[in-house]
Structures are given as C-alpha cells and as structure tokens.
Amino acid sequence: MNNASPARNEAANAYLYLLATMAFFGSAFASSKAVVGHMPHQVAAVLRFGGGALILVLLLLLIGRKSREKELTGAQIARAAAVGLLGVFAYNLFFFWGLSLAPSIDGSIIVPVLSPVITTAILLVMGREKASAARLGGLALGVAGAVVFFLGAGGAGLGGGGSRLTGDLIFLLGALSWALYSIASKKVLVGMDPLRATTFGTLAGALALLLFAIPALPDVDWTALSGATWANVVYLAVGPTAVAYLFYFRGLRVVSPSTATVIMFTVPVFGVTCAVVFLGESFSALQAAGAVVMLAGALLAVTQGRLRQKPAAGPADEGADDPAEPSRPTGLAR
C-alpha cells in the first residue's frame, strides 16, 4: 500500500508535466502569430529558436556536468545536427511562413493533428507499422477531415483572399516536416540523452534559420518593436522551446510514448483557446466539422481504437529509445 502511493504520485506528476508541455506547445501558435505581425517570419523564427538554443546550451552546461552519460562522438553530433535541420529549420520555416498568411487557430489544428497521421502513413508505407483496419480507417478519416478543413479555409478567407488557404497548405508542409523528423530522430538519435540531442539539433536548426533570415534582417524596424512583441519572443524561447522539452522528457520517464501521443491531441484545445482569447480569431462551421473529423481519424490511426495502455514496468523497461520498438508518432508541434 505504501509502495503504491509514491508510484501513483510519480505517474500523476508525469501526466502534469506532459499536460504542461502541450499547453506550451498550443500557446506557441498564438504567441508566434503575434510576433510575425511585426517582423518577417524568417526573423521571428530565428529569434525564437536562437534564444531557445542559447537556453538549452546553458542548461546542458549546468545539468550536463552532473550527468554520467559518456561523451558523444563527432558522428553522433553530426547526426543530431542533421535531424535538427529537419525538425527545427524546415519545420519552423513552414510554421512561421504559414502564420504570416493564415490565422494561428488553423495551424494549431492542422500541425498537431495531421503530423501523427502523416507519420503513421509513412510508417505503413515503409513496412514499420501494421496496416490494421482501424489504422487504415483512421487515416482515411484524417484525410477526409483535412479536405473538408481546407475547403472551409478557402471559403473563410478572413478578407485575405486565398492567403488563408495558402497558409494552411504551408502548415501542411510543416506537419510533413515534423513527421519526417519524428521518424528520423527515432533511429538516428539512439544512444543520445534527450537534452544533448535536443540542444545540438536546435543549435544546427537555429544557425540555418539565421542564414536564411539574413536578407530579411534590414527590413526589421527594431526600435518600433513594442514591449509586448519582445515579451512574446522571450516567452517563445523559454516556454515552448526550452522548458517544454524538459517537461516532455521528464514525463516520458514514467509515461509510455504512445500515451504521450494521445495526450498530444490536447494541443489543439490549448491552441484554439489562446487564438480565440488573445487574438480574437475564429474559423467557419465547415472548418470546425473538418477539424472534428481530422481529430477522430488521427486518434483512431494512432491508437487503433485502444486508448488503454499497458502499465509501464518501470524506467528500465521504457521503450522510448529502444530501436527494436516500432516507432510511435509523437507529432509534437513546437
């Protein structure tokens, strides 16, 4: 009885860490939208992930000294950097570009819901997941919901002509980038502790974003940026970029990756709430219907209709970094 209570407390804390992570990720859409309204999207991406990279380096210097992990080889660092170019540079290029054209409320639905659907579809094609009837049905529902959502975006417009639909299609490219990142990182980063892998990947992606943003830097009127804009930049670097990942990996010590994937579907709830409350955004009834169908399809594709997970046997038995375990699409939209 006494042994069960600490275990329950540890599990409850893990779920709180994961839920806080999803709140950070969801709020990042509205906060990033507020930033891209005052500067080119390339520069906004650099500020967020440049700041996040610096914070992660400081954390690595502080926490890494206490770690007993063996030193990384040059090849491991190069692989982490290469994966970071996909998960940080490519993903955020599309993420911030989409935000410059479409409301954040669209991105907060498209990216976190469709990225696990795309991941599952790719794994099925690669033969790394089994094509069950529930999974195929979920993929079909997800695609159908996406079609309805995009049709609604084309009709919604918000006075911007076809820019909203264009932005939503760019969000779709962001979801594809994150799906590829999720698959690549599963194999490439085996044997690396999460903090170091995330730090090297974020550094590489931030440097690539900086090189891409150099032509747009002269277009920024730095003296005209408000305190609210800088507050959003700082929040994005600290909360959704650095702290959220520490919370996420801490939660994964107790909760299985497949369970974390299901919790990930709370991201649209936080994202939509922040978009409505802080930005006054909205979407059409057709988009709402498409979002519901997308979410149902994504849940079915990822869980195969089995929401209950086997109880974890303990940290030693966790399969988060086990290359023999089938990849679980996390689809975490940063």
Protein backbone atom coordinates (compact mmCIF):
# COMPACT_ATOMS: atom_id res chain seq x y z
CA MET A 1 0.00 0.00 0.00
CA ASN A 2 2.84 2.36 0.93
CA ASN A 3 4.74 1.43 -2.24
CA ALA A 4 1.74 2.08 -4.46
CA SER A 5 1.22 5.66 -3.28
CA PRO A 6 4.62 7.01 -4.44
CA ALA A 7 4.13 5.27 -7.78
CA ARG A 8 0.73 6.93 -8.23
CA ASN A 9 2.20 10.31 -7.29
CA GLU A 10 5.03 9.83 -9.79
CA ALA A 11 2.55 8.93 -12.54
CA ALA A 12 0.34 11.92 -11.68
CA ASN A 13 3.35 14.24 -11.84
CA ALA A 14 4.34 12.76 -15.21
CA TYR A 15 0.91 13.49 -16.63
CA LEU A 16 1.07 17.05 -15.27
CA TYR A 17 4.47 17.55 -16.94
CA LEU A 18 3.08 16.29 -20.25
CA LEU A 19 -0.08 18.38 -19.98
CA ALA A 20 2.02 21.48 -19.25
CA THR A 21 4.13 20.64 -22.30
CA MET A 22 1.04 20.51 -24.51
CA ALA A 23 -0.17 23.82 -23.07
CA PHE A 24 3.18 25.38 -24.01
CA PHE A 25 3.04 23.90 -27.49
CA GLY A 26 -0.55 25.03 -28.03
CA SER A 27 0.08 28.57 -26.84
CA ALA A 28 3.09 28.88 -29.18
CA PHE A 29 0.81 29.27 -32.19
CA ALA A 30 -0.92 32.41 -30.94
CA SER A 31 2.25 33.84 -29.42
CA SER A 32 4.19 33.29 -32.67
CA LYS A 33 1.36 34.87 -34.66
CA ALA A 34 1.66 38.00 -32.51
CA VAL A 35 5.38 38.16 -33.34
CA VAL A 36 5.12 37.64 -37.13
CA GLY A 37 2.70 40.57 -37.26
CA HIS A 38 5.63 42.89 -36.53
CA MET A 39 8.56 41.35 -38.40
CA PRO A 40 9.34 38.97 -41.30
CA HIS A 41 8.55 35.37 -40.49
CA GLN A 42 12.17 34.31 -41.07
CA VAL A 43 13.40 36.74 -38.39
CA ALA A 44 10.69 35.64 -35.94
CA ALA A 45 11.82 32.03 -36.30
CA VAL A 46 15.45 32.99 -35.66
CA LEU A 47 14.61 34.95 -32.52
CA ARG A 48 12.57 32.11 -31.08
CA PHE A 49 14.98 29.28 -31.76
CA GLY A 50 18.15 31.31 -31.38
CA GLY A 51 17.00 32.21 -27.87
CA GLY A 52 15.86 28.65 -27.25
CA ALA A 53 19.23 27.28 -28.38
CA LEU A 54 21.10 29.58 -26.00
CA ILE A 55 18.91 28.49 -23.09
CA LEU A 56 19.42 24.81 -23.96
CA VAL A 57 23.20 25.31 -24.12
CA LEU A 58 23.15 26.88 -20.65
CA LEU A 59 21.02 24.00 -19.33
CA LEU A 60 23.39 21.50 -20.92
CA LEU A 61 26.38 23.16 -19.26
CA LEU A 62 24.63 23.15 -15.88
CA ILE A 63 22.93 19.76 -15.99
CA GLY A 64 25.45 18.02 -18.22
CA ARG A 65 28.17 18.36 -15.60
CA LYS A 66 26.12 16.21 -13.24
CA SER A 67 25.33 13.64 -15.91
CA ARG A 68 27.19 10.35 -16.12
CA GLU A 69 26.47 9.99 -19.81
CA LYS A 70 29.52 9.19 -21.93
CA GLU A 71 30.88 11.81 -24.28
CA LEU A 72 29.31 11.98 -27.73
CA THR A 73 31.30 11.17 -30.84
CA GLY A 74 31.61 13.55 -33.76
CA ALA A 75 29.34 11.29 -35.81
CA GLN A 76 26.60 11.41 -33.17
CA ILE A 77 26.75 15.20 -33.00
CA ALA A 78 26.62 15.40 -36.81
CA ARG A 79 23.54 13.13 -36.87
CA ALA A 80 21.81 15.22 -34.21
CA ALA A 81 22.57 18.37 -36.20
CA ALA A 82 21.24 16.81 -39.41
CA VAL A 83 18.00 15.81 -37.72
CA GLY A 84 17.75 19.32 -36.26
CA LEU A 85 17.87 20.79 -39.76
CA LEU A 86 14.71 18.84 -40.49
CA GLY A 87 12.87 19.30 -37.19
CA VAL A 88 13.93 22.88 -36.44
CA PHE A 89 14.89 24.56 -39.70
CA ALA A 90 12.47 23.00 -42.20
CA TYR A 91 9.55 22.69 -39.78
CA ASN A 92 9.80 26.24 -38.45
CA LEU A 93 10.37 27.73 -41.88
CA PHE A 94 6.93 26.41 -42.85
CA PHE A 95 5.47 27.08 -39.38
CA PHE A 96 6.25 30.81 -39.33
CA TRP A 97 5.59 31.23 -43.06
CA GLY A 98 2.13 29.73 -42.58
CA LEU A 99 1.49 32.06 -39.64
CA SER A 100 2.27 35.07 -41.82
CA LEU A 101 -0.58 34.08 -44.16
CA ALA A 102 -3.19 32.26 -42.06
CA PRO A 103 -4.64 32.55 -38.53
CA SER A 104 -2.82 30.72 -35.76
CA ILE A 105 -6.03 28.84 -35.00
CA ASP A 106 -5.64 26.92 -38.28
CA GLY A 107 -2.05 25.93 -37.56
CA SER A 108 -2.91 24.80 -34.03
CA ILE A 109 -5.28 22.26 -35.57
CA ILE A 110 -3.51 21.22 -38.78
CA VAL A 111 0.01 20.64 -37.47
CA PRO A 112 -0.53 18.65 -34.24
CA VAL A 113 -3.43 16.61 -35.68
CA LEU A 114 -2.10 15.81 -39.13
CA SER A 115 1.56 15.22 -38.24
CA PRO A 116 0.85 11.90 -36.44
CA VAL A 117 -1.50 10.92 -39.30
CA ILE A 118 1.27 11.57 -41.85
CA THR A 119 3.81 9.79 -39.64
CA THR A 120 1.60 6.71 -39.40
CA ALA A 121 1.01 6.70 -43.16
CA ILE A 122 4.75 6.88 -43.87
CA LEU A 123 5.49 4.07 -41.41
CA LEU A 124 2.84 1.92 -43.07
CA VAL A 125 4.40 2.51 -46.50
CA MET A 126 7.85 1.68 -45.06
CA GLY A 127 6.50 -1.51 -43.53
CA ARG A 128 7.37 -0.45 -39.99
CA GLU A 129 3.73 -0.47 -38.82
CA LYS A 130 0.98 -2.99 -39.44
CA ALA A 131 -1.91 -1.97 -41.66
CA SER A 132 -4.86 -2.84 -39.42
CA ALA A 133 -8.41 -1.98 -40.43
CA ALA A 134 -8.67 0.56 -37.59
CA ARG A 135 -5.44 2.27 -38.63
CA LEU A 136 -6.41 2.46 -42.31
CA GLY A 137 -9.85 3.73 -41.36
CA GLY A 138 -8.30 6.39 -39.15
CA LEU A 139 -6.02 7.54 -41.96
CA ALA A 140 -8.97 7.77 -44.33
CA LEU A 141 -10.93 9.81 -41.78
CA GLY A 142 -7.95 12.09 -41.21
CA VAL A 143 -7.54 12.77 -44.92
CA ALA A 144 -11.28 13.36 -45.37
CA GLY A 145 -11.32 15.77 -42.45
CA ALA A 146 -8.31 17.63 -43.87
CA VAL A 147 -10.04 18.03 -47.24
CA VAL A 148 -13.13 19.46 -45.55
CA PHE A 149 -10.99 21.77 -43.39
CA PHE A 150 -9.07 23.11 -46.39
CA LEU A 151 -12.29 23.65 -48.32
CA GLY A 152 -13.58 25.66 -45.37
CA ALA A 153 -10.34 27.68 -45.29
CA GLY A 154 -10.76 28.56 -48.96
CA GLY A 155 -14.21 29.92 -48.25
CA ALA A 156 -13.36 31.64 -44.94
CA GLY A 157 -10.65 33.94 -46.23
CA LEU A 158 -10.94 36.49 -43.41
CA GLY A 159 -10.71 39.24 -46.01
CA GLY A 160 -7.34 37.98 -47.23
CA GLY A 161 -8.42 36.37 -50.48
CA GLY A 162 -6.77 33.00 -50.87
CA SER A 163 -3.97 33.72 -48.36
CA ARG A 164 -5.65 31.68 -45.62
CA LEU A 165 -5.82 28.57 -47.81
CA THR A 166 -2.22 29.11 -48.93
CA GLY A 167 -1.13 29.44 -45.31
CA ASP A 168 -2.98 26.26 -44.37
CA LEU A 169 -1.27 24.34 -47.17
CA ILE A 170 2.08 25.62 -45.88
CA PHE A 171 1.09 24.39 -42.40
CA LEU A 172 0.57 21.01 -44.06
CA LEU A 173 4.19 21.10 -45.27
CA GLY A 174 5.17 21.86 -41.68
CA ALA A 175 3.25 18.79 -40.50
CA LEU A 176 5.09 16.71 -43.12
CA SER A 177 8.46 18.07 -41.95
CA TRP A 178 7.68 17.19 -38.34
CA ALA A 179 6.51 13.72 -39.33
CA LEU A 180 9.80 13.07 -41.14
CA TYR A 181 11.69 14.45 -38.15
CA SER A 182 9.82 12.13 -35.77
CA ILE A 183 10.75 9.11 -37.88
CA ALA A 184 14.37 10.11 -38.45
CA SER A 185 15.07 11.02 -34.83
CA LYS A 186 13.84 7.62 -33.63
CA LYS A 187 16.72 5.80 -35.31
CA VAL A 188 19.37 8.49 -35.71
CA LEU A 189 19.44 9.66 -32.09
CA VAL A 190 19.57 6.22 -30.42
CA GLY A 191 22.16 6.26 -27.63
CA MET A 192 22.00 10.02 -27.04
CA ASP A 193 20.42 11.55 -23.96
CA PRO A 194 17.46 13.80 -24.88
CA LEU A 195 18.88 17.10 -23.58
CA ARG A 196 22.10 16.87 -25.57
CA ALA A 197 20.33 15.61 -28.69
CA THR A 198 17.80 18.45 -28.50
CA THR A 199 20.50 21.04 -27.85
CA PHE A 200 22.69 20.09 -30.82
CA GLY A 201 19.68 19.75 -33.10
CA THR A 202 18.25 23.11 -32.05
CA LEU A 203 21.63 24.82 -32.48
CA ALA A 204 22.02 23.47 -36.01
CA GLY A 205 18.46 24.44 -36.95
CA ALA A 206 18.79 27.92 -35.43
CA LEU A 207 22.02 28.59 -37.37
CA ALA A 208 20.33 27.52 -40.61
CA LEU A 209 17.37 29.77 -39.83
CA LEU A 210 19.79 32.66 -39.20
CA LEU A 211 21.48 32.18 -42.59
CA PHE A 212 18.08 32.06 -44.28
CA ALA A 213 16.89 35.19 -42.45
CA ILE A 214 19.92 37.42 -43.16
CA PRO A 215 18.35 39.08 -46.26
CA ALA A 216 15.23 39.98 -44.22
CA LEU A 217 17.07 41.48 -41.21
CA PRO A 218 17.31 45.02 -42.71
CA ASP A 219 13.51 45.06 -43.07
CA VAL A 220 13.01 44.99 -39.29
CA ASP A 221 12.49 48.33 -37.52
CA TRP A 222 13.93 47.19 -34.19
CA THR A 223 13.18 50.48 -32.43
CA ALA A 224 9.49 50.20 -33.28
CA LEU A 225 9.02 46.78 -31.70
CA SER A 226 6.73 47.01 -28.68
CA GLY A 227 7.33 45.55 -25.26
CA ALA A 228 4.53 43.06 -25.90
CA THR A 229 6.33 41.79 -29.01
CA TRP A 230 9.58 41.27 -27.10
CA ALA A 231 7.65 39.60 -24.27
CA ASN A 232 6.26 37.11 -26.78
CA VAL A 233 9.75 36.48 -28.19
CA VAL A 234 11.12 35.75 -24.71
CA TYR A 235 8.15 33.55 -23.85
CA LEU A 236 8.58 31.52 -27.06
CA ALA A 237 12.28 30.96 -26.39
CA VAL A 238 11.80 29.98 -22.75
CA GLY A 239 8.41 28.23 -22.57
CA PRO A 240 7.50 26.29 -25.73
CA THR A 241 11.12 25.84 -26.85
CA ALA A 242 13.26 25.07 -23.77
CA VAL A 243 11.11 24.35 -20.71
CA ALA A 244 8.51 22.35 -22.63
CA TYR A 245 11.08 19.86 -23.85
CA LEU A 246 12.49 19.31 -20.38
CA PHE A 247 8.95 18.71 -19.11
CA TYR A 248 8.22 16.37 -22.01
CA PHE A 249 11.26 14.17 -21.49
CA ARG A 250 10.71 14.11 -17.76
CA GLY A 251 7.16 12.90 -18.33
CA LEU A 252 8.39 10.19 -20.69
CA ARG A 253 10.42 8.66 -17.86
CA VAL A 254 7.15 7.28 -16.48
CA VAL A 255 4.57 7.51 -19.29
CA SER A 256 4.93 5.50 -22.49
CA PRO A 257 5.44 7.30 -25.83
CA SER A 258 2.10 6.00 -27.12
CA THR A 259 0.30 7.50 -24.13
CA ALA A 260 2.16 10.78 -24.66
CA THR A 261 0.94 10.74 -28.26
CA VAL A 262 -2.68 10.62 -27.10
CA ILE A 263 -2.06 13.49 -24.65
CA MET A 264 -0.62 15.42 -27.60
CA PHE A 265 -4.13 15.74 -29.01
CA THR A 266 -4.85 18.33 -26.30
CA VAL A 267 -2.55 20.77 -28.17
CA PRO A 268 -5.40 21.98 -30.47
CA VAL A 269 -7.55 22.69 -27.39
CA PHE A 270 -4.89 24.98 -25.91
CA GLY A 271 -4.07 26.45 -29.32
CA VAL A 272 -7.66 27.28 -30.23
CA THR A 273 -8.33 28.73 -26.77
CA CYS A 274 -5.32 31.06 -26.96
CA ALA A 275 -6.17 32.10 -30.53
CA VAL A 276 -9.75 32.99 -29.59
CA VAL A 277 -8.97 34.68 -26.25
CA PHE A 278 -5.82 36.61 -27.14
CA LEU A 279 -6.15 37.18 -30.90
CA GLY A 280 -9.91 37.12 -31.45
CA GLU A 281 -9.59 34.53 -34.23
CA SER A 282 -12.28 32.15 -35.41
CA PHE A 283 -13.00 29.55 -38.07
CA SER A 284 -16.01 28.61 -40.16
CA ALA A 285 -18.51 25.88 -39.35
CA LEU A 286 -17.11 23.81 -42.23
CA GLN A 287 -13.61 24.09 -40.78
CA ALA A 288 -14.91 23.08 -37.35
CA ALA A 289 -16.53 19.98 -38.83
CA GLY A 290 -13.34 19.11 -40.69
CA ALA A 291 -11.30 19.55 -37.51
CA VAL A 292 -13.52 17.13 -35.59
CA VAL A 293 -13.26 14.51 -38.35
CA MET A 294 -9.46 15.02 -38.53
CA LEU A 295 -9.09 14.58 -34.79
CA ALA A 296 -11.24 11.43 -34.75
CA GLY A 297 -9.22 9.96 -37.62
CA ALA A 298 -5.89 10.82 -36.00
CA LEU A 299 -6.89 9.23 -32.70
CA LEU A 300 -8.08 6.09 -34.48
CA ALA A 301 -4.95 5.86 -36.63
CA VAL A 302 -2.56 6.31 -33.71
CA THR A 303 -4.34 4.24 -31.05
CA GLN A 304 -6.09 1.74 -33.37
CA GLY A 305 -9.11 2.15 -31.12
CA ARG A 306 -7.22 1.05 -28.00
CA LEU A 307 -6.90 4.03 -25.70
CA ARG A 308 -5.89 1.96 -22.69
CA GLN A 309 -2.17 1.34 -22.50
CA LYS A 310 -0.35 -1.48 -20.75
CA PRO A 311 1.02 -0.35 -17.41
CA ALA A 312 4.68 0.62 -17.51
CA ALA A 313 7.01 -1.86 -15.85
CA GLY A 314 9.40 0.86 -14.76
CA PRO A 315 12.06 3.14 -16.14
CA ALA A 316 14.32 0.26 -17.11
CA ASP A 317 11.62 -1.17 -19.33
CA GLU A 318 10.63 2.01 -21.10
CA GLY A 319 10.83 1.78 -24.87
CA ALA A 320 11.21 5.43 -25.74
CA ASP A 321 14.70 4.94 -27.16
CA ASP A 322 14.58 1.24 -27.95
CA PRO A 323 15.39 0.79 -31.65
CA ALA A 324 13.62 -2.54 -31.63
CA GLU A 325 10.30 -0.99 -30.64
CA PRO A 326 8.06 0.17 -33.52
CA SER A 327 8.21 3.93 -33.88
CA ARG A 328 5.39 5.82 -32.27
CA PRO A 329 4.48 9.09 -33.97
CA THR A 330 4.75 11.84 -31.40
CA GLY A 331 3.99 14.71 -33.73
CA LEU A 332 4.83 17.30 -31.12
CA ALA A 333 4.38 20.66 -32.75
CA ARG A 334 6.70 23.07 -31.17
